Structures are given as structure tokens and as C-alpha cells.
Amino acid sequence: MSSTAPHSGVSVDLPGLIALQSRAHGFTFLPRQPVQSLLAGQHASRLRGRGLNFEELRRYLPGDDPRTIDWKVTARTRKIHSRVFTEERERPVLLVVDQRMSMFFGSRSKLKSVVAAEAAAVAAWRTLAVKDRVGAVVFGDTEQSVIRPHRSRATVVEILKTLVIRNQSLHADAPPSEPGRLNAALRQTRDLATHDFLVVLITDAHGADEETRRLATEISQHNDVLVAFVFDPLEADFTAPSRAIVSDGRVQLEVSSRMTDLRQQFQEDFQSRLAQAKRFLLTRQVPLLMLDTEQDIVTQVSRQLGGRPGRRRS
């Protein structure tokens, strides 16, 4: 694959990632979660106490500010109710984007590496739109690039250029992925995301282990973490097609679901990686996005991170 002539679905280019800016709306980095979850940015974060806007009415919980008690509702229901308000707060976003050889795979419309790059681009544009700072750690099998968070279009374009370079360096003749690179990227992330960041990890979780979970737990102690698990439908279910054509954009190989060993290997590897991704979430309430290589990336992100009911999406 040429680094100067991207193939649709096989690699990304800068104009394509820039074009995603016009579609980076209609979702928020605050997934549909309980009140206690704080994935803020300049989206409304649900905080107890006085704020800018009324959010909701709910049963009083220990620790609530007594000044938030709604006495009319309490008298009517004979149960203490609190008013919850919203408050805008800055939340720098750090994108951690996997561009290793394990991502250079796809059986549908795009490779996993392309989906990851597009998801990162959409997240970067959305972060800029809400006037938060955005940075990135983009890692491959041999090195990683760091773009420190800033609130500027120039920073977003720098992130996109880095994604293009890393993405277009992937090719079928490259050696297999180095599992330790995921942990190396998370160590870098831990050093950068010191406090009150939103860390968005976009990966297929190849090579995730107990060290990965430990690092993710450390990062989540002072930051919010969002895991976007990128997968190909063929990895999840290799029994569907009787025959499939696998290609790197130049060479094609026909495989069959009757290849029992290959089918079992695919499914076991997928289930193992998905299980590891979910293990990131055990210690703290970390949202998990499932991004596949078949559906449009903006449609997937909007569906899973859509704005809260009753609020205008911008």
C-alpha cells in the first residue's frame, strides 16, 4: 500500500479526516449513565449543589446539600427530594489511538485502523467545537507520537496529520504487532493526564493484560476514561460467510468458514480481547463503546454517545 495513494477503507487521508468536522455534532462525551457519572468537558456535568441550570429532581441522598431540598415536592410526596443542578467545567480530552498491525484488518467496508483514526478525528473535532483542549497519543508497533492538549484548530490538524502518517505506514508485509506497545502508550498517557482529563482509549485491546488494567486504573483515579473497542464482525462470528475474501488493498486471499482451526482461533482471540477490554471497567465506571468496521463511524458514535433527552444537540 502506498503512503501517498490511500485506498478507500484501507487507509485514511487528511482531506477525509478534515471533512469529518462537518459531521461531528449530535453527541456528547457524557454517555447515558447515572447521575454520579462525570464525563464533562463543557458539556453539562451532573454535580450536587448550586449550578447554572436545573437538571433533575430525585430522592435525597446522604451527603446532598440541604439547600437543594425541594420542600414543595417533599411535602407533597412525604419523601425528601433534592434538586440537581448542572455546572459547566473544562475537561481536556486526550485521545489514545491504536495504529498497530493488529488494527490492519477488516472484512467489511473498512479496516480497524481506519475506524480508529476516524473515531479519533470525530472526537477531536467535537472537543474543539465545545471549546475544550484536545491532545493525543498515537501509537504504532515501533513508536508513538504525542500531541499535547491545546484549544486550537492547528492542534486538531496536527493530530489528524499524525494519524495519517501512522495509518499509512501500515502494510501487509510489516511484522506482527508488539503487545507491549499498548502498555507503553498507557504509561505515556498516565504521565500526561495528571488530573481532570477525559482519556479516550481507541483500540482493539491486542496485548492487554493485568499491567494494562493496572495502568488504566491508575489513570482513572484522577481522570475519566472512555474505552472505544474496535472490532471486525468476522472476528466476532467467523461462521457467517461460507467464503470470505481477505485483502490488504493489493493482494486478496480466500478463506472459508470450514477452516475450523482458523475459525476457532479468530473467535477465541476476539473473546479474549473483549474480555480484557471489559476488565478495564471493573474498578471504576468506565463506559465501553463498541465500534465495528461495517457501520458508519459517526452513526455509531452518535447512537452510543447521543445527547441526553430533552436537550438540544449542537
Protein backbone atom coordinates (compact mmCIF):
# COMPACT_ATOMS: atom_id res chain seq x y z
CA MET A 1 0.00 0.00 0.00
CA SER A 2 1.46 3.36 -0.99
CA SER A 3 1.73 6.04 1.67
CA THR A 4 0.72 8.63 -0.91
CA ALA A 5 -2.23 6.88 -2.52
CA PRO A 6 -4.72 5.78 0.12
CA HIS A 7 -7.34 3.17 -0.74
CA SER A 8 -10.90 3.72 0.41
CA GLY A 9 -11.45 1.77 3.61
CA VAL A 10 -7.82 0.61 3.77
CA SER A 11 -6.18 3.87 4.83
CA VAL A 12 -7.11 7.44 5.69
CA ASP A 13 -6.05 10.75 4.21
CA LEU A 14 -6.02 14.26 5.61
CA PRO A 15 -8.89 15.68 3.49
CA GLY A 16 -11.13 12.81 4.60
CA LEU A 17 -10.40 13.35 8.29
CA ILE A 18 -10.86 17.11 7.97
CA ALA A 19 -14.21 16.54 6.21
CA LEU A 20 -15.50 14.77 9.33
CA GLN A 21 -15.64 18.14 11.11
CA SER A 22 -18.99 18.90 9.49
CA ARG A 23 -20.45 15.71 10.97
CA ALA A 24 -19.00 16.00 14.49
CA HIS A 25 -22.22 17.01 16.23
CA GLY A 26 -25.31 15.44 17.75
CA PHE A 27 -23.45 13.63 20.54
CA THR A 28 -21.78 14.39 23.83
CA PHE A 29 -18.99 12.75 25.77
CA LEU A 30 -21.47 12.26 28.60
CA PRO A 31 -22.98 8.82 27.84
CA ARG A 32 -26.35 7.77 29.17
CA GLN A 33 -25.25 6.99 32.71
CA PRO A 34 -26.35 7.51 36.32
CA VAL A 35 -26.14 10.94 37.97
CA GLN A 36 -22.90 10.00 39.71
CA SER A 37 -21.01 9.69 36.40
CA LEU A 38 -18.89 12.67 35.42
CA LEU A 39 -17.81 12.81 31.81
CA ALA A 40 -17.78 16.53 31.48
CA GLY A 41 -15.89 18.84 29.18
CA GLN A 42 -18.04 21.89 28.64
CA HIS A 43 -20.99 19.56 28.38
CA ALA A 44 -23.13 19.77 31.47
CA SER A 45 -21.64 17.64 34.23
CA ARG A 46 -24.07 16.47 36.84
CA LEU A 47 -22.96 17.86 40.19
CA ARG A 48 -24.71 18.20 43.50
CA GLY A 49 -25.29 21.67 44.85
CA ARG A 50 -25.83 25.00 43.18
CA GLY A 51 -25.02 25.34 39.49
CA LEU A 52 -26.09 27.02 36.30
CA ASN A 53 -29.14 25.03 35.24
CA PHE A 54 -31.71 22.77 36.82
CA GLU A 55 -31.04 19.18 35.76
CA GLU A 56 -33.48 16.87 37.53
CA LEU A 57 -35.44 16.07 40.67
CA ARG A 58 -34.58 12.91 42.60
CA ARG A 59 -34.77 11.31 46.05
CA TYR A 60 -32.48 12.87 48.66
CA LEU A 61 -29.20 11.01 49.13
CA PRO A 62 -26.84 11.18 52.14
CA GLY A 63 -24.34 13.96 51.52
CA ASP A 64 -26.67 16.13 49.44
CA ASP A 65 -26.58 19.83 50.26
CA PRO A 66 -29.72 20.52 52.37
CA ARG A 67 -30.13 23.78 50.40
CA THR A 68 -31.05 21.70 47.35
CA ILE A 69 -34.08 20.09 49.04
CA ASP A 70 -37.32 20.83 47.18
CA TRP A 71 -39.71 21.34 50.09
CA LYS A 72 -42.88 21.53 47.99
CA VAL A 73 -42.24 18.14 46.39
CA THR A 74 -41.11 16.76 49.75
CA ALA A 75 -44.37 17.89 51.39
CA ARG A 76 -46.49 16.52 48.55
CA THR A 77 -44.77 13.11 48.39
CA ARG A 78 -43.79 12.91 52.07
CA LYS A 79 -40.34 11.83 50.90
CA ILE A 80 -37.34 14.13 50.80
CA HIS A 81 -36.36 15.17 47.27
CA SER A 82 -33.32 17.13 46.07
CA ARG A 83 -32.93 19.35 43.05
CA VAL A 84 -29.83 18.52 40.97
CA PHE A 85 -28.15 21.31 39.05
CA THR A 86 -25.59 21.40 36.25
CA GLU A 87 -22.34 23.22 36.07
CA GLU A 88 -20.07 23.78 33.11
CA ARG A 89 -16.45 22.86 33.60
CA GLU A 90 -13.47 22.43 31.32
CA ARG A 91 -12.33 18.90 30.63
CA PRO A 92 -9.21 18.43 28.46
CA VAL A 93 -9.52 15.41 26.19
CA LEU A 94 -6.58 13.09 25.48
CA LEU A 95 -7.09 10.65 22.61
CA VAL A 96 -5.05 7.44 22.81
CA VAL A 97 -5.22 5.89 19.34
CA ASP A 98 -4.04 2.41 18.38
CA GLN A 99 -2.41 2.14 14.93
CA ARG A 100 -0.56 -1.16 15.32
CA MET A 101 -0.54 -4.03 12.85
CA SER A 102 -3.27 -5.79 14.83
CA MET A 103 -5.55 -2.96 13.65
CA PHE A 104 -4.65 -3.60 9.99
CA PHE A 105 -7.57 -5.95 9.48
CA GLY A 106 -11.10 -5.71 8.14
CA SER A 107 -13.65 -7.89 6.37
CA ARG A 108 -16.33 -5.28 5.75
CA SER A 109 -16.10 -1.71 4.48
CA LYS A 110 -13.04 -0.56 6.45
CA LEU A 111 -10.01 -1.77 8.36
CA LYS A 112 -9.94 -1.41 12.13
CA SER A 113 -7.08 1.07 11.81
CA VAL A 114 -9.26 3.30 9.64
CA VAL A 115 -12.18 3.13 12.08
CA ALA A 116 -9.87 4.09 14.95
CA ALA A 117 -8.44 7.04 13.03
CA GLU A 118 -11.90 8.26 12.02
CA ALA A 119 -13.23 7.91 15.56
CA ALA A 120 -10.29 9.94 16.85
CA ALA A 121 -10.90 12.63 14.22
CA VAL A 122 -14.59 12.90 15.12
CA ALA A 123 -13.71 13.12 18.83
CA ALA A 124 -11.07 15.79 18.18
CA TRP A 125 -13.43 17.95 16.14
CA ARG A 126 -16.22 17.56 18.69
CA THR A 127 -13.89 18.55 21.54
CA LEU A 128 -12.79 21.67 19.68
CA ALA A 129 -16.42 22.55 18.94
CA VAL A 130 -17.25 22.66 22.66
CA LYS A 131 -14.11 24.75 23.29
CA ASP A 132 -12.14 22.18 25.27
CA ARG A 133 -8.47 21.38 24.83
CA VAL A 134 -7.59 18.22 22.90
CA GLY A 135 -4.37 16.25 22.55
CA ALA A 136 -3.37 12.75 21.50
CA VAL A 137 -1.05 9.80 21.94
CA VAL A 138 -0.94 7.94 18.61
CA PHE A 139 0.99 4.69 18.86
CA GLY A 140 2.17 2.05 16.44
CA ASP A 141 4.37 -1.01 16.76
CA THR A 142 7.70 0.82 16.95
CA GLU A 143 7.00 4.31 18.20
CA GLN A 144 4.36 6.72 19.43
CA SER A 145 3.66 10.38 18.84
CA VAL A 146 2.45 12.83 21.49
CA ILE A 147 0.47 15.99 20.78
CA ARG A 148 -0.11 17.98 23.94
CA PRO A 149 -3.61 19.33 24.52
CA HIS A 150 -4.43 22.78 23.16
CA ARG A 151 -7.62 24.54 22.22
CA SER A 152 -6.93 25.27 18.55
CA ARG A 153 -7.70 24.09 15.07
CA ALA A 154 -3.96 23.83 14.43
CA THR A 155 -3.69 21.21 17.18
CA VAL A 156 -6.56 19.18 15.73
CA VAL A 157 -4.94 19.28 12.28
CA GLU A 158 -1.63 18.17 13.82
CA ILE A 159 -3.42 15.21 15.40
CA LEU A 160 -5.01 14.34 12.06
CA LYS A 161 -1.68 14.55 10.22
CA THR A 162 -0.12 12.24 12.80
CA LEU A 163 -2.98 9.78 12.37
CA VAL A 164 -2.49 9.80 8.60
CA ILE A 165 1.26 9.15 8.90
CA ARG A 166 0.80 6.28 11.34
CA ASN A 167 -2.14 4.84 9.41
CA GLN A 168 -0.49 4.91 6.02
CA SER A 169 2.69 3.31 7.40
CA LEU A 170 0.75 0.07 7.98
CA HIS A 171 1.18 -2.56 5.26
CA ALA A 172 0.76 -6.29 4.85
CA ASP A 173 4.49 -7.03 4.90
CA ALA A 174 5.06 -5.40 8.30
CA PRO A 175 5.91 -7.65 11.28
CA PRO A 176 3.17 -8.65 13.75
CA SER A 177 2.07 -6.27 16.50
CA GLU A 178 4.17 -5.87 19.59
CA PRO A 179 1.76 -6.45 22.51
CA GLY A 180 3.77 -4.30 24.92
CA ARG A 181 3.16 -1.16 22.88
CA LEU A 182 -0.32 -0.77 24.37
CA ASN A 183 1.10 -0.54 27.88
CA ALA A 184 3.85 1.80 26.72
CA ALA A 185 1.20 4.15 25.34
CA LEU A 186 -0.75 3.98 28.59
CA ARG A 187 2.35 4.85 30.60
CA GLN A 188 2.79 7.92 28.44
CA THR A 189 -0.89 8.71 28.94
CA ARG A 190 -0.57 8.39 32.71
CA ASP A 191 2.23 10.96 32.69
CA LEU A 192 0.26 13.40 30.52
CA ALA A 193 -3.21 13.08 32.03
CA THR A 194 -2.45 14.36 35.50
CA HIS A 195 -5.91 15.38 36.69
CA ASP A 196 -9.45 16.00 35.39
CA PHE A 197 -8.82 14.79 31.85
CA LEU A 198 -11.13 12.71 29.72
CA VAL A 199 -8.96 9.93 28.29
CA VAL A 200 -10.43 8.24 25.22
CA LEU A 201 -8.68 4.94 24.50
CA ILE A 202 -9.39 3.69 20.96
CA THR A 203 -8.01 0.17 20.46
CA ASP A 204 -8.71 -3.47 19.67
CA ALA A 205 -7.10 -4.35 23.04
CA HIS A 206 -4.48 -6.61 21.46
CA GLY A 207 -1.90 -7.49 24.12
CA ALA A 208 -3.99 -6.23 27.04
CA ASP A 209 -3.03 -7.88 30.32
CA GLU A 210 -3.02 -7.24 34.06
CA GLU A 211 -0.48 -4.44 33.61
CA THR A 212 -2.91 -2.80 31.18
CA ARG A 213 -5.65 -2.95 33.76
CA ARG A 214 -3.35 -1.56 36.46
CA LEU A 215 -2.34 1.37 34.27
CA ALA A 216 -5.96 2.05 33.26
CA THR A 217 -6.94 2.01 36.93
CA GLU A 218 -4.19 4.49 37.80
CA ILE A 219 -5.29 6.81 35.01
CA SER A 220 -8.95 6.60 36.05
CA GLN A 221 -8.19 7.53 39.67
CA HIS A 222 -7.93 11.22 38.76
CA ASN A 223 -9.48 11.27 35.28
CA ASP A 224 -12.47 9.99 33.37
CA VAL A 225 -11.77 7.17 30.92
CA LEU A 226 -13.75 6.11 27.87
CA VAL A 227 -12.78 2.88 26.06
CA ALA A 228 -13.68 2.51 22.37
CA PHE A 229 -13.25 -1.16 21.47
CA VAL A 230 -12.72 -1.52 17.70
CA PHE A 231 -13.58 -4.87 16.15
CA ASP A 232 -14.46 -6.54 12.88
CA PRO A 233 -17.67 -8.61 12.64
CA LEU A 234 -15.67 -11.51 11.18
CA GLU A 235 -13.67 -11.68 14.42
CA ALA A 236 -16.85 -11.98 16.46
CA ASP A 237 -18.55 -14.52 14.19
CA PHE A 238 -16.47 -16.36 11.62
CA THR A 239 -19.27 -18.82 10.89
CA ALA A 240 -21.47 -16.41 8.92
CA PRO A 241 -19.82 -16.45 5.47
CA SER A 242 -19.09 -19.76 3.76
CA ARG A 243 -16.30 -17.97 1.96
CA ALA A 244 -14.63 -14.63 2.56
CA ILE A 245 -12.06 -12.60 0.69
CA VAL A 246 -9.36 -11.03 2.87
CA SER A 247 -7.31 -8.21 1.33
CA ASP A 248 -4.76 -5.58 2.30
CA GLY A 249 -5.82 -3.40 -0.62
CA ARG A 250 -3.42 -5.09 -3.06
CA VAL A 251 -3.44 -8.86 -2.51
CA GLN A 252 -6.57 -10.97 -1.94
CA LEU A 253 -6.84 -14.27 -0.09
CA GLU A 254 -9.90 -16.51 0.01
CA VAL A 255 -10.70 -18.16 3.32
CA SER A 256 -13.60 -20.41 4.29
CA SER A 257 -15.61 -20.82 7.48
CA ARG A 258 -14.97 -24.54 7.07
CA MET A 259 -11.41 -23.88 8.24
CA THR A 260 -12.26 -24.99 11.77
CA ASP A 261 -8.92 -24.16 13.39
CA LEU A 262 -8.87 -20.68 11.88
CA ARG A 263 -12.48 -20.03 12.88
CA GLN A 264 -11.81 -21.12 16.45
CA GLN A 265 -8.64 -19.04 16.65
CA PHE A 266 -10.46 -15.93 15.42
CA GLN A 267 -13.30 -16.30 17.89
CA GLU A 268 -11.12 -17.16 20.87
CA ASP A 269 -8.85 -14.19 20.19
CA PHE A 270 -11.81 -11.84 19.86
CA GLN A 271 -13.47 -13.06 23.06
CA SER A 272 -10.18 -12.78 24.93
CA ARG A 273 -9.59 -9.21 23.78
CA LEU A 274 -13.18 -8.18 24.52
CA ALA A 275 -12.90 -9.70 27.99
CA GLN A 276 -9.69 -7.77 28.59
CA ALA A 277 -11.32 -4.53 27.43
CA LYS A 278 -14.18 -5.12 29.86
CA ARG A 279 -11.67 -5.73 32.65
CA PHE A 280 -10.62 -2.09 32.27
CA LEU A 281 -14.08 -1.25 33.54
CA LEU A 282 -14.22 -3.30 36.72
CA THR A 283 -12.64 -0.88 39.18
CA ARG A 284 -14.47 2.26 38.09
CA GLN A 285 -17.48 3.14 35.97
CA VAL A 286 -15.73 3.32 32.60
CA PRO A 287 -18.04 3.43 29.56
CA LEU A 288 -17.32 0.96 26.75
CA LEU A 289 -18.09 1.86 23.14
CA MET A 290 -18.26 -0.92 20.56
CA LEU A 291 -17.10 0.30 17.14
CA ASP A 292 -17.25 -2.09 14.20
CA THR A 293 -15.75 -1.90 10.71
CA GLU A 294 -19.08 -2.19 8.91
CA GLN A 295 -21.18 0.77 10.02
CA ASP A 296 -20.58 4.47 9.53
CA ILE A 297 -18.40 5.80 12.35
CA VAL A 298 -20.44 8.95 13.06
CA THR A 299 -23.65 6.90 13.19
CA GLN A 300 -22.09 4.53 15.72
CA VAL A 301 -20.69 7.28 17.93
CA SER A 302 -23.92 9.31 17.83
CA ARG A 303 -26.01 6.27 18.73
CA GLN A 304 -23.86 5.37 21.73
CA LEU A 305 -22.97 8.87 22.90
CA GLY A 306 -26.12 10.71 21.87
CA GLY A 307 -27.16 13.86 23.69
CA ARG A 308 -29.35 13.49 26.74
CA PRO A 309 -33.11 13.54 26.17
CA GLY A 310 -34.68 16.97 26.37
CA ARG A 311 -31.53 18.86 25.43
CA ARG A 312 -30.78 20.37 22.07
CA ARG A 313 -27.92 18.67 20.31
CA SER A 314 -25.35 21.03 18.87
